[in-house]
């Protein structure tokens, strides 16, 4: 499954943190370092499996923990309308 940011979402990375703006609600979200790491992959349309692999390498955590954390993050973004899920 690939994750992509919704077309109505704008973002910028400033001093290592992603700032994501929901145009419809004018809501600004500031992401922490792991959130920014994941958001950059989402912006590129990276699939979940690759996100898990890269997260395991980057943060030296187990596959299970990475997958759980990523799925929670993706779920929150999806509920906020910030991303689109693309099945492949």
PDB file of N, CA and C in Angstrom:
ATOM      1  N   UNK A   1       0.845  -1.175   0.000  1.00  0.00           N
ATOM      2  CA  UNK A   1       0.000   0.000   0.000  1.00  0.00           C
ATOM      3  C   UNK A   1       0.893   1.242   0.000  1.00  0.00           C
ATOM      4  N   UNK A   2       0.610   2.128  -0.906  1.00  0.00           N
ATOM      5  CA  UNK A   2       1.326   3.400  -0.980  1.00  0.00           C
ATOM      6  C   UNK A   2       0.497   4.481  -0.295  1.00  0.00           C
ATOM      7  N   UNK A   3       1.189   5.387   0.332  1.00  0.00           N
ATOM      8  CA  UNK A   3       0.574   6.515   1.005  1.00  0.00           C
ATOM      9  C   UNK A   3       1.053   7.784   0.295  1.00  0.00           C
ATOM     10  N   UNK A   4       0.136   8.685  -0.005  1.00  0.00           N
ATOM     11  CA  UNK A   4       0.501   9.969  -0.630  1.00  0.00           C
ATOM     12  C   UNK A   4      -0.191  11.080   0.121  1.00  0.00           C
ATOM     13  N   UNK A   5       0.446  12.232   0.153  1.00  0.00           N
ATOM     14  CA  UNK A   5      -0.213  13.377   0.777  1.00  0.00           C
ATOM     15  C   UNK A   5      -1.408  13.776  -0.081  1.00  0.00           C
ATOM     16  N   UNK A   6      -2.435  14.279   0.577  1.00  0.00           N
ATOM     17  CA  UNK A   6      -3.608  14.763  -0.137  1.00  0.00           C
ATOM     18  C   UNK A   6      -3.217  15.995  -0.950  1.00  0.00           C
ATOM     19  N   UNK A   7      -3.831  16.189  -2.111  1.00  0.00           N
ATOM     20  CA  UNK A   7      -3.473  17.325  -2.969  1.00  0.00           C
ATOM     21  C   UNK A   7      -3.659  18.689  -2.307  1.00  0.00           C
ATOM     22  N   UNK A   8      -4.568  18.779  -1.357  1.00  0.00           N
ATOM     23  CA  UNK A   8      -4.854  20.072  -0.722  1.00  0.00           C
ATOM     24  C   UNK A   8      -3.893  20.412   0.420  1.00  0.00           C
ATOM     25  N   UNK A   9      -2.913  19.561   0.646  1.00  0.00           N
ATOM     26  CA  UNK A   9      -1.972  19.752   1.748  1.00  0.00           C
ATOM     27  C   UNK A   9      -0.689  20.411   1.234  1.00  0.00           C
ATOM     28  N   UNK A  10      -0.258  21.437   1.937  1.00  0.00           N
ATOM     29  CA  UNK A  10       1.022  22.094   1.633  1.00  0.00           C
ATOM     30  C   UNK A  10       1.954  21.849   2.817  1.00  0.00           C
ATOM     31  N   UNK A  11       3.257  21.830   2.533  1.00  0.00           N
ATOM     32  CA  UNK A  11       4.196  21.628   3.635  1.00  0.00           C
ATOM     33  C   UNK A  11       5.558  22.185   3.290  1.00  0.00           C
ATOM     34  N   UNK A  12       6.330  22.430   4.344  1.00  0.00           N
ATOM     35  CA  UNK A  12       7.716  22.871   4.216  1.00  0.00           C
ATOM     36  C   UNK A  12       8.507  22.269   5.362  1.00  0.00           C
ATOM     37  N   UNK A  13       9.783  22.059   5.114  1.00  0.00           N
ATOM     38  CA  UNK A  13      10.690  21.590   6.158  1.00  0.00           C
ATOM     39  C   UNK A  13      11.553  22.772   6.570  1.00  0.00           C
ATOM     40  N   UNK A  14      11.507  23.084   7.854  1.00  0.00           N
ATOM     41  CA  UNK A  14      12.266  24.205   8.396  1.00  0.00           C
ATOM     42  C   UNK A  14      13.035  23.706   9.612  1.00  0.00           C
ATOM     43  N   UNK A  15      14.356  23.857   9.557  1.00  0.00           N
ATOM     44  CA  UNK A  15      15.234  23.435  10.640  1.00  0.00           C
ATOM     45  C   UNK A  15      14.955  22.003  11.095  1.00  0.00           C
ATOM     46  N   UNK A  16      14.778  21.112  10.117  1.00  0.00           N
ATOM     47  CA  UNK A  16      14.636  19.692  10.404  1.00  0.00           C
ATOM     48  C   UNK A  16      13.242  19.224  10.780  1.00  0.00           C
ATOM     49  N   UNK A  17      12.284  20.125  10.772  1.00  0.00           N
ATOM     50  CA  UNK A  17      10.903  19.760  11.121  1.00  0.00           C
ATOM     51  C   UNK A  17       9.967  20.099   9.968  1.00  0.00           C
ATOM     52  N   UNK A  18       9.004  19.202   9.763  1.00  0.00           N
ATOM     53  CA  UNK A  18       8.001  19.450   8.733  1.00  0.00           C
ATOM     54  C   UNK A  18       6.846  20.251   9.327  1.00  0.00           C
ATOM     55  N   UNK A  19       6.419  21.258   8.584  1.00  0.00           N
ATOM     56  CA  UNK A  19       5.239  22.042   8.932  1.00  0.00           C
ATOM     57  C   UNK A  19       4.215  21.772   7.830  1.00  0.00           C
ATOM     58  N   UNK A  20       3.109  21.172   8.224  1.00  0.00           N
ATOM     59  CA  UNK A  20       2.095  20.718   7.275  1.00  0.00           C
ATOM     60  C   UNK A  20       0.839  21.559   7.470  1.00  0.00           C
ATOM     61  N   UNK A  21       0.317  22.098   6.372  1.00  0.00           N
ATOM     62  CA  UNK A  21      -0.854  22.977   6.432  1.00  0.00           C
ATOM     63  C   UNK A  21      -2.029  22.328   5.703  1.00  0.00           C
ATOM     64  N   UNK A  22      -3.141  22.231   6.418  1.00  0.00           N
ATOM     65  CA  UNK A  22      -4.388  21.783   5.813  1.00  0.00           C
ATOM     66  C   UNK A  22      -5.091  23.027   5.268  1.00  0.00           C
ATOM     67  N   UNK A  23      -5.177  23.141   3.966  1.00  0.00           N
ATOM     68  CA  UNK A  23      -5.749  24.336   3.350  1.00  0.00           C
ATOM     69  C   UNK A  23      -7.214  24.533   3.727  1.00  0.00           C
ATOM     70  N   UNK A  24      -7.973  23.448   3.778  1.00  0.00           N
ATOM     71  CA  UNK A  24      -9.410  23.562   4.036  1.00  0.00           C
ATOM     72  C   UNK A  24      -9.714  24.153   5.408  1.00  0.00           C
ATOM     73  N   UNK A  25      -8.886  23.823   6.400  1.00  0.00           N
ATOM     74  CA  UNK A  25      -9.148  24.286   7.768  1.00  0.00           C
ATOM     75  C   UNK A  25      -8.129  25.308   8.251  1.00  0.00           C
ATOM     76  N   UNK A  26      -7.134  25.597   7.435  1.00  0.00           N
ATOM     77  CA  UNK A  26      -6.028  26.487   7.816  1.00  0.00           C
ATOM     78  C   UNK A  26      -5.337  26.026   9.091  1.00  0.00           C
ATOM     79  N   UNK A  27      -5.260  24.705   9.257  1.00  0.00           N
ATOM     80  CA  UNK A  27      -4.625  24.120  10.431  1.00  0.00           C
ATOM     81  C   UNK A  27      -3.161  23.829  10.123  1.00  0.00           C
ATOM     82  N   UNK A  28      -2.289  24.249  11.030  1.00  0.00           N
ATOM     83  CA  UNK A  28      -0.856  24.011  10.889  1.00  0.00           C
ATOM     84  C   UNK A  28      -0.439  22.905  11.852  1.00  0.00           C
ATOM     85  N   UNK A  29       0.265  21.910  11.327  1.00  0.00           N
ATOM     86  CA  UNK A  29       0.786  20.812  12.136  1.00  0.00           C
ATOM     87  C   UNK A  29       2.306  20.869  12.086  1.00  0.00           C
ATOM     88  N   UNK A  30       2.948  20.828  13.233  1.00  0.00           N
ATOM     89  CA  UNK A  30       4.408  20.754  13.298  1.00  0.00           C
ATOM     90  C   UNK A  30       4.761  19.318  13.681  1.00  0.00           C
ATOM     91  N   UNK A  31       5.543  18.664  12.833  1.00  0.00           N
ATOM     92  CA  UNK A  31       5.911  17.272  13.081  1.00  0.00           C
ATOM     93  C   UNK A  31       7.275  17.195  13.758  1.00  0.00           C
ATOM     94  N   UNK A  32       7.404  16.235  14.663  1.00  0.00           N
ATOM     95  CA  UNK A  32       8.689  16.005  15.306  1.00  0.00           C
ATOM     96  C   UNK A  32       9.627  15.299  14.326  1.00  0.00           C
ATOM     97  N   UNK A  33      10.831  14.954  14.773  1.00  0.00           N
ATOM     98  CA  UNK A  33      11.819  14.358  13.864  1.00  0.00           C
ATOM     99  C   UNK A  33      11.334  13.052  13.227  1.00  0.00           C
ATOM    100  N   UNK A  34      10.823  12.082  14.010  1.00  0.00           N
ATOM    101  CA  UNK A  34      10.330  10.854  13.363  1.00  0.00           C
ATOM    102  C   UNK A  34       9.139  11.124  12.438  1.00  0.00           C
ATOM    103  N   UNK A  35       8.269  12.034  12.837  1.00  0.00           N
ATOM    104  CA  UNK A  35       7.135  12.387  11.983  1.00  0.00           C
ATOM    105  C   UNK A  35       7.587  13.006  10.677  1.00  0.00           C
ATOM    106  N   UNK A  36       8.591  13.851  10.745  1.00  0.00           N
ATOM    107  CA  UNK A  36       9.149  14.468   9.540  1.00  0.00           C
ATOM    108  C   UNK A  36       9.794  13.405   8.651  1.00  0.00           C
ATOM    109  N   UNK A  37      10.522  12.475   9.268  1.00  0.00           N
ATOM    110  CA  UNK A  37      11.143  11.373   8.533  1.00  0.00           C
ATOM    111  C   UNK A  37      10.082  10.599   7.739  1.00  0.00           C
ATOM    112  N   UNK A  38       8.965  10.289   8.395  1.00  0.00           N
ATOM    113  CA  UNK A  38       7.881   9.555   7.733  1.00  0.00           C
ATOM    114  C   UNK A  38       7.174  10.432   6.699  1.00  0.00           C
ATOM    115  N   UNK A  39       6.950  11.685   7.044  1.00  0.00           N
ATOM    116  CA  UNK A  39       6.246  12.584   6.122  1.00  0.00           C
ATOM    117  C   UNK A  39       7.003  12.736   4.804  1.00  0.00           C
ATOM    118  N   UNK A  40       8.316  12.827   4.873  1.00  0.00           N
ATOM    119  CA  UNK A  40       9.104  12.954   3.646  1.00  0.00           C
ATOM    120  C   UNK A  40       8.929  11.717   2.766  1.00  0.00           C
ATOM    121  N   UNK A  41       8.820  10.552   3.366  1.00  0.00           N
ATOM    122  CA  UNK A  41       8.576   9.340   2.577  1.00  0.00           C
ATOM    123  C   UNK A  41       7.166   9.346   1.999  1.00  0.00           C
ATOM    124  N   UNK A  42       6.202   9.794   2.794  1.00  0.00           N
ATOM    125  CA  UNK A  42       4.823   9.895   2.303  1.00  0.00           C
ATOM    126  C   UNK A  42       4.771  10.845   1.120  1.00  0.00           C
ATOM    127  N   UNK A  43       5.462  11.957   1.209  1.00  0.00           N
ATOM    128  CA  UNK A  43       5.487  12.927   0.116  1.00  0.00           C
ATOM    129  C   UNK A  43       6.007  12.321  -1.184  1.00  0.00           C
ATOM    130  N   UNK A  44       6.889  11.343  -1.067  1.00  0.00           N
ATOM    131  CA  UNK A  44       7.453  10.679  -2.250  1.00  0.00           C
ATOM    132  C   UNK A  44       6.613   9.490  -2.706  1.00  0.00           C
ATOM    133  N   UNK A  45       5.535   9.166  -1.966  1.00  0.00           N
ATOM    134  CA  UNK A  45       4.682   8.037  -2.339  1.00  0.00           C
ATOM    135  C   UNK A  45       5.287   6.688  -1.993  1.00  0.00           C
ATOM    136  N   UNK A  46       6.123   6.654  -0.979  1.00  0.00           N
ATOM    137  CA  UNK A  46       6.781   5.418  -0.558  1.00  0.00           C
ATOM    138  C   UNK A  46       5.756   4.437   0.004  1.00  0.00           C
ATOM    139  N   UNK A  47       5.896   3.156  -0.329  1.00  0.00           N
ATOM    140  CA  UNK A  47       4.945   2.179   0.201  1.00  0.00           C
ATOM    141  C   UNK A  47       5.286   1.834   1.654  1.00  0.00           C
ATOM    142  N   UNK A  48       4.312   1.285   2.349  1.00  0.00           N
ATOM    143  CA  UNK A  48       4.430   0.997   3.778  1.00  0.00           C
ATOM    144  C   UNK A  48       5.627   0.089   4.067  1.00  0.00           C
ATOM    145  N   UNK A  49       5.814  -0.938   3.268  1.00  0.00           N
ATOM    146  CA  UNK A  49       6.912  -1.881   3.532  1.00  0.00           C
ATOM    147  C   UNK A  49       8.268  -1.187   3.496  1.00  0.00           C
ATOM    148  N   UNK A  50       8.449  -0.302   2.533  1.00  0.00           N
ATOM    149  CA  UNK A  50       9.709   0.432   2.439  1.00  0.00           C
ATOM    150  C   UNK A  50       9.843   1.403   3.610  1.00  0.00           C
ATOM    151  N   UNK A  51       8.733   2.023   4.016  1.00  0.00           N
ATOM    152  CA  UNK A  51       8.769   2.915   5.173  1.00  0.00           C
ATOM    153  C   UNK A  51       9.209   2.155   6.424  1.00  0.00           C
ATOM    154  N   UNK A  52       8.708   0.942   6.590  1.00  0.00           N
ATOM    155  CA  UNK A  52       9.088   0.126   7.747  1.00  0.00           C
ATOM    156  C   UNK A  52      10.580  -0.182   7.694  1.00  0.00           C
ATOM    157  N   UNK A  53      11.076  -0.630   6.551  1.00  0.00           N
ATOM    158  CA  UNK A  53      12.500  -0.955   6.413  1.00  0.00           C
ATOM    159  C   UNK A  53      13.389   0.234   6.746  1.00  0.00           C
ATOM    160  N   UNK A  54      13.052   1.384   6.189  1.00  0.00           N
ATOM    161  CA  UNK A  54      13.872   2.580   6.423  1.00  0.00           C
ATOM    162  C   UNK A  54      13.808   3.040   7.884  1.00  0.00           C
ATOM    163  N   UNK A  55      12.646   2.910   8.493  1.00  0.00           N
ATOM    164  CA  UNK A  55      12.483   3.303   9.892  1.00  0.00           C
ATOM    165  C   UNK A  55      13.283   2.384  10.810  1.00  0.00           C
ATOM    166  N   UNK A  56      13.265   1.101  10.537  1.00  0.00           N
ATOM    167  CA  UNK A  56      14.058   0.136  11.318  1.00  0.00           C
ATOM    168  C   UNK A  56      15.529   0.506  11.243  1.00  0.00           C
ATOM    169  N   UNK A  57      16.007   0.810  10.043  1.00  0.00           N
ATOM    170  CA  UNK A  57      17.426   1.190   9.870  1.00  0.00           C
ATOM    171  C   UNK A  57      17.752   2.507  10.566  1.00  0.00           C
ATOM    172  N   UNK A  58      16.903   3.495  10.376  1.00  0.00           N
ATOM    173  CA  UNK A  58      17.166   4.836  10.894  1.00  0.00           C
ATOM    174  C   UNK A  58      17.131   4.902  12.418  1.00  0.00           C
ATOM    175  N   UNK A  59      16.179   4.197  13.025  1.00  0.00           N
ATOM    176  CA  UNK A  59      15.965   4.334  14.463  1.00  0.00           C
ATOM    177  C   UNK A  59      16.351   3.092  15.269  1.00  0.00           C
ATOM    178  N   UNK A  60      16.901   2.093  14.603  1.00  0.00           N
ATOM    179  CA  UNK A  60      17.349   0.858  15.275  1.00  0.00           C
ATOM    180  C   UNK A  60      16.265   0.277  16.180  1.00  0.00           C
ATOM    181  N   UNK A  61      15.071   0.146  15.615  1.00  0.00           N
ATOM    182  CA  UNK A  61      13.972  -0.487  16.348  1.00  0.00           C
ATOM    183  C   UNK A  61      13.545  -1.737  15.594  1.00  0.00           C
ATOM    184  N   UNK A  62      12.763  -2.576  16.242  1.00  0.00           N
ATOM    185  CA  UNK A  62      12.338  -3.819  15.598  1.00  0.00           C
ATOM    186  C   UNK A  62      11.248  -3.543  14.568  1.00  0.00           C
ATOM    187  N   UNK A  63      11.116  -4.449  13.648  1.00  0.00           N
ATOM    188  CA  UNK A  63      10.154  -4.355  12.566  1.00  0.00           C
ATOM    189  C   UNK A  63       8.734  -4.179  13.116  1.00  0.00           C
ATOM    190  N   UNK A  64       8.397  -4.925  14.122  1.00  0.00           N
ATOM    191  CA  UNK A  64       7.046  -4.895  14.706  1.00  0.00           C
ATOM    192  C   UNK A  64       6.707  -3.514  15.282  1.00  0.00           C
ATOM    193  N   UNK A  65       7.647  -2.943  16.020  1.00  0.00           N
ATOM    194  CA  UNK A  65       7.442  -1.618  16.603  1.00  0.00           C
ATOM    195  C   UNK A  65       7.332  -0.562  15.516  1.00  0.00           C
ATOM    196  N   UNK A  66       8.209  -0.635  14.528  1.00  0.00           N
ATOM    197  CA  UNK A  66       8.180   0.330  13.422  1.00  0.00           C
ATOM    198  C   UNK A  66       6.841   0.268  12.700  1.00  0.00           C
ATOM    199  N   UNK A  67       6.391  -0.932  12.383  1.00  0.00           N
ATOM    200  CA  UNK A  67       5.128  -1.105  11.655  1.00  0.00           C
ATOM    201  C   UNK A  67       3.954  -0.548  12.470  1.00  0.00           C
ATOM    202  N   UNK A  68       3.924  -0.865  13.755  1.00  0.00           N
ATOM    203  CA  UNK A  68       2.841  -0.376  14.627  1.00  0.00           C
ATOM    204  C   UNK A  68       2.830   1.150  14.671  1.00  0.00           C
ATOM    205  N   UNK A  69       4.000   1.746  14.887  1.00  0.00           N
ATOM    206  CA  UNK A  69       4.099   3.209  14.971  1.00  0.00           C
ATOM    207  C   UNK A  69       3.715   3.871  13.645  1.00  0.00           C
ATOM    208  N   UNK A  70       4.158   3.306  12.547  1.00  0.00           N
ATOM    209  CA  UNK A  70       3.844   3.860  11.226  1.00  0.00           C
ATOM    210  C   UNK A  70       2.347   3.766  10.959  1.00  0.00           C
ATOM    211  N   UNK A  71       1.745   2.636  11.267  1.00  0.00           N
ATOM    212  CA  UNK A  71       0.317   2.469  11.020  1.00  0.00           C
ATOM    213  C   UNK A  71      -0.505   3.424  11.891  1.00  0.00           C
ATOM    214  N   UNK A  72      -0.076   3.663  13.122  1.00  0.00           N
ATOM    215  CA  UNK A  72      -0.762   4.639  13.977  1.00  0.00           C
ATOM    216  C   UNK A  72      -0.650   6.041  13.389  1.00  0.00           C
ATOM    217  N   UNK A  73       0.544   6.402  12.934  1.00  0.00           N
ATOM    218  CA  UNK A  73       0.787   7.711  12.320  1.00  0.00           C
ATOM    219  C   UNK A  73      -0.072   7.873  11.066  1.00  0.00           C
ATOM    220  N   UNK A  74      -0.064   6.865  10.212  1.00  0.00           N
ATOM    221  CA  UNK A  74      -0.840   6.890   8.966  1.00  0.00           C
ATOM    222  C   UNK A  74      -2.335   6.992   9.277  1.00  0.00           C
ATOM    223  N   UNK A  75      -2.788   6.274  10.291  1.00  0.00           N
ATOM    224  CA  UNK A  75      -4.201   6.322  10.671  1.00  0.00           C
ATOM    225  C   UNK A  75      -4.603   7.730  11.100  1.00  0.00           C
ATOM    226  N   UNK A  76      -3.767   8.373  11.911  1.00  0.00           N
ATOM    227  CA  UNK A  76      -4.066   9.745  12.355  1.00  0.00           C
ATOM    228  C   UNK A  76      -4.089  10.713  11.168  1.00  0.00           C
ATOM    229  N   UNK A  77      -3.121  10.576  10.265  1.00  0.00           N
ATOM    230  CA  UNK A  77      -3.077  11.452   9.088  1.00  0.00           C
ATOM    231  C   UNK A  77      -4.281  11.224   8.185  1.00  0.00           C
ATOM    232  N   UNK A  78      -4.666   9.967   8.039  1.00  0.00           N
ATOM    233  CA  UNK A  78      -5.810   9.623   7.202  1.00  0.00           C
ATOM    234  C   UNK A  78      -7.100  10.205   7.769  1.00  0.00           C
ATOM    235  N   UNK A  79      -7.298  10.067   9.074  1.00  0.00           N
ATOM    236  CA  UNK A  79      -8.499  10.619   9.717  1.00  0.00           C
ATOM    237  C   UNK A  79      -8.556  12.135   9.592  1.00  0.00           C
ATOM    238  N   UNK A  80      -7.399  12.776   9.548  1.00  0.00           N
ATOM    239  CA  UNK A  80      -7.344  14.230   9.392  1.00  0.00           C
ATOM    240  C   UNK A  80      -7.471  14.661   7.935  1.00  0.00           C
ATOM    241  N   UNK A  81      -7.528  13.690   7.007  1.00  0.00           N
ATOM    242  CA  UNK A  81      -7.652  14.007   5.590  1.00  0.00           C
ATOM    243  C   UNK A  81      -6.373  14.522   4.961  1.00  0.00           C
ATOM    244  N   UNK A  82      -5.239  14.220   5.610  1.00  0.00           N
ATOM    245  CA  UNK A  82      -3.960  14.731   5.133  1.00  0.00           C
ATOM    246  C   UNK A  82      -3.269  13.818   4.127  1.00  0.00           C
ATOM    247  N   UNK A  83      -3.730  12.579   4.027  1.00  0.00           N
ATOM    248  CA  UNK A  83      -3.114  11.617   3.113  1.00  0.00           C
ATOM    249  C   UNK A  83      -4.182  10.834   2.373  1.00  0.00           C
ATOM    250  N   UNK A  84      -3.718  10.159   1.333  1.00  0.00           N
ATOM    251  CA  UNK A  84      -4.554   9.233   0.564  1.00  0.00           C
ATOM    252  C   UNK A  84      -3.856   7.894   0.545  1.00  0.00           C
ATOM    253  N   UNK A  85      -4.601   6.823   0.692  1.00  0.00           N
ATOM    254  CA  UNK A  85      -4.036   5.472   0.619  1.00  0.00           C
ATOM    255  C   UNK A  85      -4.272   4.938  -0.790  1.00  0.00           C
ATOM    256  N   UNK A  86      -3.224   4.416  -1.382  1.00  0.00           N
ATOM    257  CA  UNK A  86      -3.303   3.849  -2.725  1.00  0.00           C
ATOM    258  C   UNK A  86      -2.918   2.369  -2.628  1.00  0.00           C
ATOM    259  N   UNK A  87      -3.840   1.486  -2.893  1.00  0.00           N
ATOM    260  CA  UNK A  87      -3.540   0.043  -2.859  1.00  0.00           C
ATOM    261  C   UNK A  87      -2.839  -0.342  -4.164  1.00  0.00           C
ATOM    262  N   UNK A  88      -1.758  -1.140  -4.009  1.00  0.00           N
ATOM    263  CA  UNK A  88      -1.051  -1.616  -5.206  1.00  0.00           C
ATOM    264  C   UNK A  88      -0.684  -3.051  -5.017  1.00  0.00           C
TER     265      UNK A  88
END
